[in-house]
Amino acid sequence: MALVLNSDAFVDGDPIPRRFTCEGEDVSPPLTWDNLPVGTESLVLIVDDPDAPDPAAPRMVWDHWVLYNLPATSPGLPEGVASAALPAGTGEGINSWGRTGYGGPCPPIGRHRYFHRLYALDARLPSELGNPGKDDLLLAMDEHILAHAELVGTYEKQA
């Protein structure tokens, strides 16, 4: 069976509830995963928006959440998980706001897609990575990916 990433808050392809966005409480959605491949030592979670700033003319990918070295024994992340409540050993990368932690959907125009990508790795990444940006993290994990799963939600501002 393939690696699976799910949320109790939304299903793949559907809108992300307002609670998890800048127009709501801006808390992370609950996420669960299953079917980790044999040999999984750690997990990486990256949430990004490839439609920034305008889905009709995207110019960049906006990174919303970057986590690495999630333990393979972790079944997921609860809603609104704070940095201090992440599983022991989890590292945080820098998002496009220049900080660690979750930043919810906040599209300036149009309906954007938000890709939640989970990677199963055959190793733990070195702690010397500190708080890497997504590109540095992708380079570090490049030859260690056993499997990946994807969950896509959408959002368009109400106002």
Protein backbone atom coordinates (compact mmCIF):
# COMPACT_ATOMS: atom_id res chain seq x y z
CA MET A 1 0.00 0.00 0.00
CA ALA A 2 1.10 3.55 -0.71
CA LEU A 3 1.85 6.25 1.85
CA VAL A 4 -1.35 8.15 2.70
CA LEU A 5 -1.83 11.72 4.02
CA ASN A 6 -5.27 12.80 5.28
CA SER A 7 -7.00 15.52 7.28
CA ASP A 8 -10.25 15.42 9.23
CA ALA A 9 -10.71 19.09 8.24
CA PHE A 10 -10.90 18.71 4.43
CA VAL A 11 -10.56 16.08 1.72
CA ASP A 12 -8.22 16.17 -1.24
CA GLY A 13 -9.28 18.80 -3.78
CA ASP A 14 -11.82 20.53 -1.51
CA PRO A 15 -11.69 23.96 0.14
CA ILE A 16 -9.74 24.39 3.35
CA PRO A 17 -12.06 25.62 6.13
CA ARG A 18 -11.69 29.29 7.05
CA ARG A 19 -10.53 28.37 10.58
CA PHE A 20 -7.15 27.29 9.16
CA THR A 21 -6.57 30.54 7.19
CA CYS A 22 -5.60 34.15 7.83
CA GLU A 23 -9.31 35.02 7.81
CA GLY A 24 -9.92 32.57 10.64
CA GLU A 25 -7.83 31.41 13.58
CA ASP A 26 -4.81 30.67 11.35
CA VAL A 27 -4.13 27.34 13.05
CA SER A 28 -2.75 24.26 11.32
CA PRO A 29 -5.23 21.60 10.22
CA PRO A 30 -5.12 18.15 11.79
CA LEU A 31 -3.09 15.73 9.66
CA THR A 32 -2.73 11.96 9.84
CA TRP A 33 -0.62 9.54 7.84
CA ASP A 34 -0.52 5.83 7.33
CA ASN A 35 1.28 3.07 5.41
CA LEU A 36 4.84 4.25 5.98
CA PRO A 37 7.24 2.16 3.93
CA VAL A 38 9.53 -0.30 5.67
CA GLY A 39 12.77 1.47 6.61
CA THR A 40 11.20 4.87 7.29
CA GLU A 41 13.38 6.71 9.81
CA SER A 42 11.82 10.19 9.63
CA LEU A 43 9.21 12.29 7.85
CA VAL A 44 9.21 15.70 6.18
CA LEU A 45 6.09 17.84 5.81
CA ILE A 46 6.00 20.78 3.41
CA VAL A 47 2.92 22.92 2.79
CA ASP A 48 3.14 25.36 -0.11
CA ASP A 49 1.11 27.38 -2.62
CA PRO A 50 2.34 27.29 -6.25
CA ASP A 51 -0.27 29.86 -7.34
CA ALA A 52 1.24 32.97 -5.70
CA PRO A 53 0.44 35.72 -6.04
CA ASP A 54 -2.30 35.21 -8.67
CA PRO A 55 -3.39 31.80 -9.99
CA ALA A 56 -3.93 33.39 -13.42
CA ALA A 57 -0.28 34.51 -13.46
CA PRO A 58 1.72 32.65 -10.78
CA ARG A 59 5.23 33.99 -10.18
CA MET A 60 6.42 32.03 -7.15
CA VAL A 61 5.74 29.22 -4.74
CA TRP A 62 4.80 30.48 -1.27
CA ASP A 63 5.94 28.19 1.56
CA HIS A 64 3.48 27.94 4.45
CA TRP A 65 4.98 25.26 6.70
CA VAL A 66 8.26 23.33 6.66
CA LEU A 67 8.89 20.48 9.13
CA TYR A 68 11.55 17.77 9.12
CA ASN A 69 12.72 14.86 11.25
CA LEU A 70 9.18 14.08 12.33
CA PRO A 71 9.50 10.68 14.02
CA ALA A 72 8.31 7.70 12.00
CA THR A 73 6.39 6.60 15.11
CA SER A 74 4.20 9.72 15.00
CA PRO A 75 0.72 9.03 13.55
CA GLY A 76 0.13 12.66 12.61
CA LEU A 77 -0.23 16.19 13.94
CA PRO A 78 -3.18 17.58 15.90
CA GLU A 79 -5.07 20.69 14.89
CA GLY A 80 -3.32 23.91 15.86
CA VAL A 81 -0.09 22.21 16.93
CA ALA A 82 2.35 24.76 18.36
CA SER A 83 6.11 24.55 17.87
CA ALA A 84 6.59 23.50 21.49
CA ALA A 85 4.08 20.65 21.05
CA LEU A 86 5.68 19.12 17.93
CA PRO A 87 6.94 15.55 18.39
CA ALA A 88 10.36 15.38 20.06
CA GLY A 89 13.21 15.84 17.58
CA THR A 90 11.13 17.61 14.92
CA GLY A 91 12.98 20.40 13.14
CA GLU A 92 11.32 23.50 11.71
CA GLY A 93 12.24 25.23 8.50
CA ILE A 94 11.69 28.83 7.49
CA ASN A 95 8.49 29.64 5.62
CA SER A 96 8.01 32.47 3.10
CA TRP A 97 7.17 34.90 5.91
CA GLY A 98 10.75 34.40 7.12
CA ARG A 99 9.77 32.55 10.29
CA THR A 100 9.15 29.02 11.53
CA GLY A 101 5.71 27.65 12.23
CA TYR A 102 2.47 27.38 10.31
CA GLY A 103 1.07 30.25 8.29
CA GLY A 104 -2.34 29.55 6.82
CA PRO A 105 -3.74 30.34 3.38
CA CYS A 106 -4.08 34.07 2.72
CA PRO A 107 -4.28 34.49 -1.06
CA PRO A 108 -4.28 38.09 -2.32
CA ILE A 109 -6.47 37.21 -5.31
CA GLY A 110 -8.30 34.18 -6.67
CA ARG A 111 -8.60 30.56 -5.54
CA HIS A 112 -5.20 29.07 -4.69
CA ARG A 113 -4.13 25.45 -4.24
CA TYR A 114 -2.30 24.43 -1.06
CA PHE A 115 -0.17 21.31 -1.38
CA HIS A 116 0.48 19.35 1.81
CA ARG A 117 3.34 16.97 0.94
CA LEU A 118 4.60 14.25 3.25
CA TYR A 119 7.89 12.49 2.53
CA ALA A 120 9.07 9.26 4.18
CA LEU A 121 12.88 9.21 4.46
CA ASP A 122 15.32 6.39 5.11
CA ALA A 123 17.33 8.61 7.48
CA ARG A 124 17.07 11.41 9.99
CA LEU A 125 18.45 14.63 8.58
CA PRO A 126 21.40 16.28 10.36
CA SER A 127 20.48 18.69 13.15
CA GLU A 128 23.07 21.07 11.68
CA LEU A 129 20.38 22.02 9.14
CA GLY A 130 18.98 24.27 11.86
CA ASN A 131 16.03 26.17 10.37
CA PRO A 132 16.48 25.55 6.65
CA GLY A 133 14.47 27.06 3.85
CA LYS A 134 12.48 24.63 1.74
CA ASP A 135 15.09 24.49 -1.05
CA ASP A 136 17.90 23.55 1.36
CA LEU A 137 15.69 20.94 2.95
CA LEU A 138 14.79 19.43 -0.43
CA LEU A 139 18.50 19.16 -1.28
CA ALA A 140 19.30 17.51 2.07
CA MET A 141 16.59 14.87 1.68
CA ASP A 142 17.04 14.26 -2.04
CA GLU A 143 18.63 10.80 -1.93
CA HIS A 144 16.68 9.63 1.13
CA ILE A 145 13.06 9.66 -0.12
CA LEU A 146 11.33 6.28 0.16
CA ALA A 147 7.82 7.52 -0.65
CA HIS A 148 5.67 10.64 -0.65
CA ALA A 149 1.99 11.50 -0.35
CA GLU A 150 0.05 14.63 -1.20
CA LEU A 151 -3.12 16.30 0.06
CA VAL A 152 -4.33 19.40 -1.79
CA GLY A 153 -6.78 21.94 -0.43
CA THR A 154 -7.97 25.18 -1.98
CA TYR A 155 -8.86 28.59 -0.60
CA GLU A 156 -10.17 31.91 -1.84
CA LYS A 157 -10.67 34.89 0.49
CA GLN A 158 -14.28 35.63 1.37
CA ALA A 159 -13.97 39.41 1.56
